[in-house]
Amino acid sequence: MAPPIPTFPLSTLTSQLQELPHGKTRNPPLDLASCALKELVQYRCNLAAADGGPPAKGKPIVIVCEPVVRFYRQCADGLMVETTAWEGWKERQGGSQAVGETSR
């Protein structure tokens, strides 16, 4: 089993990334907002009855899939961080870059 992946409160994500796994401080400091924004679309699929209700024995069944969009930031040093929740939080805080806009 893989080790658990740490999660951080959105307000402390950028400061948490300044500390390397072995405890030392990242030098130079990392500016997460300047890292390239990447997008990944996954799909969540469920079974449903063809009439729209819950699946039941004897009813025709269809597979209904919905897209799930995830955002990541990829930095020059190879660090990649999922920032899906952080992107929306940052925008609500008055961030400079809108979700879905890529930095170059």
N, C-alpha and C. Protein backbone atom coordinates (compact mmCIF):
# COMPACT_ATOMS: atom_id res chain seq x y z
N MET A 1 0.85 -1.17 0.00
CA MET A 1 0.00 0.00 0.00
C MET A 1 0.89 1.24 0.00
N ALA A 2 0.50 2.21 -0.80
CA ALA A 2 1.26 3.46 -0.88
C ALA A 2 1.09 4.24 0.42
N PRO A 3 2.12 5.03 0.79
CA PRO A 3 1.98 5.85 2.00
C PRO A 3 0.93 6.93 1.80
N PRO A 4 0.32 7.38 2.88
CA PRO A 4 -0.70 8.44 2.74
C PRO A 4 -0.08 9.73 2.21
N ILE A 5 -0.85 10.44 1.43
CA ILE A 5 -0.39 11.71 0.88
C ILE A 5 -0.90 12.82 1.77
N PRO A 6 -0.02 13.71 2.21
CA PRO A 6 -0.48 14.78 3.10
C PRO A 6 -1.40 15.76 2.37
N THR A 7 -2.37 16.27 3.09
CA THR A 7 -3.23 17.34 2.57
C THR A 7 -3.08 18.53 3.51
N PHE A 8 -3.25 19.72 2.96
CA PHE A 8 -3.07 20.94 3.73
C PHE A 8 -4.28 21.83 3.57
N PRO A 9 -4.58 22.67 4.56
CA PRO A 9 -5.64 23.67 4.37
C PRO A 9 -5.25 24.58 3.20
N LEU A 10 -6.23 25.02 2.43
CA LEU A 10 -5.95 25.83 1.25
C LEU A 10 -5.15 27.08 1.57
N SER A 11 -5.44 27.70 2.69
CA SER A 11 -4.77 28.95 3.06
C SER A 11 -3.29 28.75 3.36
N THR A 12 -2.85 27.52 3.64
CA THR A 12 -1.44 27.28 3.97
C THR A 12 -0.70 26.49 2.90
N LEU A 13 -1.36 26.18 1.78
CA LEU A 13 -0.72 25.34 0.75
C LEU A 13 0.60 25.92 0.28
N THR A 14 0.63 27.19 -0.09
CA THR A 14 1.87 27.77 -0.62
C THR A 14 2.99 27.78 0.43
N SER A 15 2.66 28.03 1.68
CA SER A 15 3.70 28.02 2.71
C SER A 15 4.17 26.59 3.01
N GLN A 16 3.28 25.62 2.95
CA GLN A 16 3.66 24.22 3.19
C GLN A 16 4.62 23.73 2.10
N LEU A 17 4.47 24.21 0.88
CA LEU A 17 5.33 23.78 -0.22
C LEU A 17 6.75 24.35 -0.10
N GLN A 18 6.93 25.33 0.76
CA GLN A 18 8.27 25.92 0.93
C GLN A 18 9.19 24.99 1.73
N GLU A 19 8.61 24.00 2.41
CA GLU A 19 9.41 23.07 3.20
C GLU A 19 9.60 21.77 2.41
N LEU A 20 10.86 21.37 2.24
CA LEU A 20 11.17 20.13 1.53
C LEU A 20 10.87 18.93 2.42
N PRO A 21 10.71 17.73 1.84
CA PRO A 21 10.37 16.54 2.63
C PRO A 21 11.33 16.25 3.79
N HIS A 22 12.60 16.60 3.62
CA HIS A 22 13.57 16.33 4.68
C HIS A 22 13.65 17.44 5.72
N GLY A 23 12.77 18.46 5.61
CA GLY A 23 12.67 19.48 6.64
C GLY A 23 13.33 20.81 6.32
N LYS A 24 14.20 20.86 5.32
CA LYS A 24 14.86 22.12 4.99
C LYS A 24 13.91 23.02 4.19
N THR A 25 14.22 24.32 4.20
CA THR A 25 13.43 25.30 3.47
C THR A 25 13.86 25.33 2.01
N ARG A 26 12.87 25.43 1.11
CA ARG A 26 13.15 25.48 -0.33
C ARG A 26 13.85 26.80 -0.65
N ASN A 27 14.94 26.72 -1.43
CA ASN A 27 15.70 27.91 -1.79
C ASN A 27 16.03 27.83 -3.27
N PRO A 28 15.56 28.73 -4.10
CA PRO A 28 14.75 29.90 -3.82
C PRO A 28 13.31 29.49 -3.51
N PRO A 29 12.56 30.37 -2.85
CA PRO A 29 11.17 30.05 -2.53
C PRO A 29 10.34 29.78 -3.79
N LEU A 30 9.38 28.91 -3.66
CA LEU A 30 8.52 28.52 -4.77
C LEU A 30 7.29 29.42 -4.84
N ASP A 31 7.01 29.97 -6.02
CA ASP A 31 5.80 30.76 -6.23
C ASP A 31 4.84 29.88 -7.01
N LEU A 32 3.92 29.24 -6.32
CA LEU A 32 3.00 28.28 -6.93
C LEU A 32 2.18 28.91 -8.05
N ALA A 33 1.78 30.15 -7.90
CA ALA A 33 0.96 30.82 -8.91
C ALA A 33 1.70 31.00 -10.23
N SER A 34 3.04 31.01 -10.21
CA SER A 34 3.80 31.18 -11.44
C SER A 34 4.10 29.85 -12.14
N CYS A 35 3.78 28.73 -11.50
CA CYS A 35 3.97 27.42 -12.11
C CYS A 35 2.89 27.19 -13.16
N ALA A 36 3.22 26.39 -14.18
CA ALA A 36 2.29 26.14 -15.29
C ALA A 36 1.04 25.43 -14.79
N LEU A 37 -0.11 25.91 -15.24
CA LEU A 37 -1.39 25.31 -14.87
C LEU A 37 -1.72 24.20 -15.86
N LYS A 38 -2.00 23.02 -15.36
CA LYS A 38 -2.35 21.86 -16.18
C LYS A 38 -3.76 21.42 -15.81
N GLU A 39 -4.45 20.81 -16.75
CA GLU A 39 -5.82 20.37 -16.53
C GLU A 39 -5.93 18.91 -16.91
N LEU A 40 -6.65 18.14 -16.10
CA LEU A 40 -6.88 16.73 -16.36
C LEU A 40 -8.38 16.48 -16.24
N VAL A 41 -8.95 15.82 -17.24
CA VAL A 41 -10.38 15.49 -17.18
C VAL A 41 -10.50 13.98 -16.99
N GLN A 42 -11.17 13.60 -15.92
CA GLN A 42 -11.48 12.20 -15.66
C GLN A 42 -13.00 12.06 -15.73
N TYR A 43 -13.47 10.83 -15.75
CA TYR A 43 -14.91 10.62 -15.84
C TYR A 43 -15.38 9.72 -14.71
N ARG A 44 -16.50 10.09 -14.10
CA ARG A 44 -17.15 9.30 -13.06
C ARG A 44 -18.39 8.71 -13.71
N CYS A 45 -18.47 7.38 -13.72
CA CYS A 45 -19.57 6.70 -14.40
C CYS A 45 -20.40 5.90 -13.40
N ASN A 46 -21.71 5.94 -13.57
CA ASN A 46 -22.65 5.20 -12.73
C ASN A 46 -23.69 4.54 -13.61
N LEU A 47 -24.30 3.49 -13.08
CA LEU A 47 -25.39 2.82 -13.77
C LEU A 47 -26.70 3.49 -13.39
N ALA A 48 -27.60 3.59 -14.34
CA ALA A 48 -28.93 4.16 -14.08
C ALA A 48 -29.93 3.42 -14.96
N ALA A 49 -31.16 3.42 -14.54
CA ALA A 49 -32.22 2.84 -15.36
C ALA A 49 -32.45 3.76 -16.55
N ALA A 50 -32.84 3.19 -17.67
CA ALA A 50 -33.06 3.97 -18.89
C ALA A 50 -34.14 5.03 -18.70
N ASP A 51 -35.06 4.82 -17.76
CA ASP A 51 -36.12 5.81 -17.53
C ASP A 51 -35.69 6.92 -16.56
N GLY A 52 -34.41 6.88 -16.13
CA GLY A 52 -33.89 7.94 -15.26
C GLY A 52 -33.91 7.60 -13.78
N GLY A 53 -34.59 6.55 -13.39
CA GLY A 53 -34.64 6.16 -11.99
C GLY A 53 -33.46 5.28 -11.60
N PRO A 54 -33.49 4.76 -10.39
CA PRO A 54 -32.40 3.89 -9.95
C PRO A 54 -32.44 2.55 -10.70
N PRO A 55 -31.28 1.92 -10.89
CA PRO A 55 -31.27 0.64 -11.59
C PRO A 55 -32.02 -0.43 -10.78
N ALA A 56 -32.77 -1.26 -11.48
CA ALA A 56 -33.52 -2.33 -10.83
C ALA A 56 -33.57 -3.52 -11.78
N LYS A 57 -33.75 -4.68 -11.21
CA LYS A 57 -33.81 -5.91 -12.00
C LYS A 57 -34.97 -5.81 -12.99
N GLY A 58 -34.69 -6.14 -14.23
CA GLY A 58 -35.71 -6.13 -15.27
C GLY A 58 -35.82 -4.82 -16.02
N LYS A 59 -35.19 -3.75 -15.55
CA LYS A 59 -35.23 -2.46 -16.25
C LYS A 59 -34.01 -2.36 -17.15
N PRO A 60 -34.18 -1.74 -18.32
CA PRO A 60 -32.99 -1.49 -19.15
C PRO A 60 -32.05 -0.53 -18.42
N ILE A 61 -30.75 -0.80 -18.51
CA ILE A 61 -29.76 -0.01 -17.79
C ILE A 61 -28.86 0.74 -18.78
N VAL A 62 -28.53 1.97 -18.42
CA VAL A 62 -27.59 2.78 -19.21
C VAL A 62 -26.44 3.21 -18.29
N ILE A 63 -25.32 3.51 -18.89
CA ILE A 63 -24.18 4.02 -18.14
C ILE A 63 -24.14 5.53 -18.35
N VAL A 64 -24.14 6.28 -17.25
CA VAL A 64 -24.12 7.74 -17.30
C VAL A 64 -22.77 8.21 -16.75
N CYS A 65 -22.02 8.92 -17.59
CA CYS A 65 -20.70 9.40 -17.19
C CYS A 65 -20.70 10.92 -17.11
N GLU A 66 -20.04 11.45 -16.07
CA GLU A 66 -19.90 12.90 -15.88
C GLU A 66 -18.42 13.25 -15.82
N PRO A 67 -18.01 14.35 -16.46
CA PRO A 67 -16.61 14.74 -16.38
C PRO A 67 -16.26 15.30 -15.00
N VAL A 68 -15.05 15.00 -14.55
CA VAL A 68 -14.50 15.55 -13.30
C VAL A 68 -13.20 16.24 -13.70
N VAL A 69 -13.16 17.56 -13.58
CA VAL A 69 -11.98 18.33 -13.98
C VAL A 69 -11.09 18.54 -12.77
N ARG A 70 -9.80 18.26 -12.94
CA ARG A 70 -8.81 18.49 -11.89
C ARG A 70 -7.73 19.41 -12.43
N PHE A 71 -7.24 20.30 -11.56
CA PHE A 71 -6.17 21.22 -11.93
C PHE A 71 -4.90 20.87 -11.17
N TYR A 72 -3.77 21.04 -11.84
CA TYR A 72 -2.45 20.80 -11.26
C TYR A 72 -1.56 21.97 -11.60
N ARG A 73 -0.55 22.21 -10.79
CA ARG A 73 0.50 23.19 -11.10
C ARG A 73 1.79 22.41 -11.23
N GLN A 74 2.50 22.62 -12.35
CA GLN A 74 3.77 21.96 -12.59
C GLN A 74 4.86 23.02 -12.61
N CYS A 75 5.80 22.88 -11.67
CA CYS A 75 6.87 23.87 -11.52
C CYS A 75 8.13 23.42 -12.25
N ALA A 76 9.03 24.36 -12.48
CA ALA A 76 10.25 24.09 -13.23
C ALA A 76 11.13 23.04 -12.58
N ASP A 77 11.08 22.93 -11.24
CA ASP A 77 11.93 21.94 -10.56
C ASP A 77 11.33 20.54 -10.57
N GLY A 78 10.23 20.33 -11.32
CA GLY A 78 9.62 19.02 -11.43
C GLY A 78 8.49 18.76 -10.45
N LEU A 79 8.28 19.65 -9.51
CA LEU A 79 7.21 19.49 -8.54
C LEU A 79 5.86 19.64 -9.24
N MET A 80 4.95 18.70 -8.97
CA MET A 80 3.59 18.81 -9.49
C MET A 80 2.63 18.64 -8.33
N VAL A 81 1.70 19.59 -8.19
CA VAL A 81 0.78 19.63 -7.06
C VAL A 81 -0.64 19.74 -7.59
N GLU A 82 -1.55 18.90 -7.06
CA GLU A 82 -2.95 19.08 -7.43
C GLU A 82 -3.48 20.32 -6.73
N THR A 83 -4.05 21.22 -7.51
CA THR A 83 -4.50 22.50 -6.96
C THR A 83 -5.96 22.77 -7.29
N THR A 84 -6.75 21.72 -7.53
CA THR A 84 -8.15 21.90 -7.93
C THR A 84 -8.89 22.83 -6.99
N ALA A 85 -8.89 22.53 -5.70
CA ALA A 85 -9.61 23.37 -4.73
C ALA A 85 -8.91 24.72 -4.55
N TRP A 86 -7.58 24.74 -4.61
CA TRP A 86 -6.81 25.96 -4.40
C TRP A 86 -7.09 26.99 -5.49
N GLU A 87 -7.29 26.54 -6.74
CA GLU A 87 -7.55 27.47 -7.85
C GLU A 87 -8.83 28.27 -7.59
N GLY A 88 -9.91 27.60 -7.18
CA GLY A 88 -11.15 28.30 -6.89
C GLY A 88 -11.03 29.20 -5.67
N TRP A 89 -10.34 28.71 -4.64
CA TRP A 89 -10.13 29.49 -3.42
C TRP A 89 -9.34 30.76 -3.74
N LYS A 90 -8.29 30.60 -4.55
CA LYS A 90 -7.42 31.73 -4.90
C LYS A 90 -8.22 32.78 -5.67
N GLU A 91 -9.09 32.33 -6.57
CA GLU A 91 -9.90 33.27 -7.34
C GLU A 91 -10.86 34.04 -6.42
N ARG A 92 -11.45 33.35 -5.45
CA ARG A 92 -12.35 34.02 -4.50
C ARG A 92 -11.58 35.00 -3.61
N GLN A 93 -10.29 34.75 -3.39
CA GLN A 93 -9.47 35.64 -2.58
C GLN A 93 -8.96 36.84 -3.38
N GLY A 94 -9.27 36.89 -4.69
CA GLY A 94 -8.84 38.01 -5.53
C GLY A 94 -7.53 37.73 -6.23
N GLY A 95 -7.28 36.46 -6.56
CA GLY A 95 -6.05 36.08 -7.27
C GLY A 95 -6.00 36.70 -8.65
N SER A 96 -4.82 36.69 -9.23
CA SER A 96 -4.61 37.38 -10.50
C SER A 96 -4.99 36.54 -11.71
N GLN A 97 -5.03 35.21 -11.58
CA GLN A 97 -5.27 34.37 -12.74
C GLN A 97 -6.54 33.57 -12.56
N ALA A 98 -7.39 33.57 -13.55
CA ALA A 98 -8.66 32.85 -13.47
C ALA A 98 -8.44 31.36 -13.68
N VAL A 99 -9.32 30.56 -13.11
CA VAL A 99 -9.26 29.12 -13.30
C VAL A 99 -9.47 28.81 -14.76
N GLY A 100 -8.66 27.90 -15.29
CA GLY A 100 -8.77 27.51 -16.68
C GLY A 100 -7.83 28.30 -17.59
N GLU A 101 -7.28 29.39 -17.12
CA GLU A 101 -6.34 30.18 -17.88
C GLU A 101 -4.94 29.62 -17.63
N THR A 102 -4.19 29.38 -18.66
CA THR A 102 -2.86 28.79 -18.47
C THR A 102 -1.80 29.86 -18.47
N SER A 103 -0.77 29.63 -17.67
CA SER A 103 0.37 30.55 -17.66
C SER A 103 1.42 29.99 -18.59
N ARG A 104 2.17 30.85 -19.22
CA ARG A 104 3.20 30.39 -20.18
C ARG A 104 4.56 30.87 -19.78
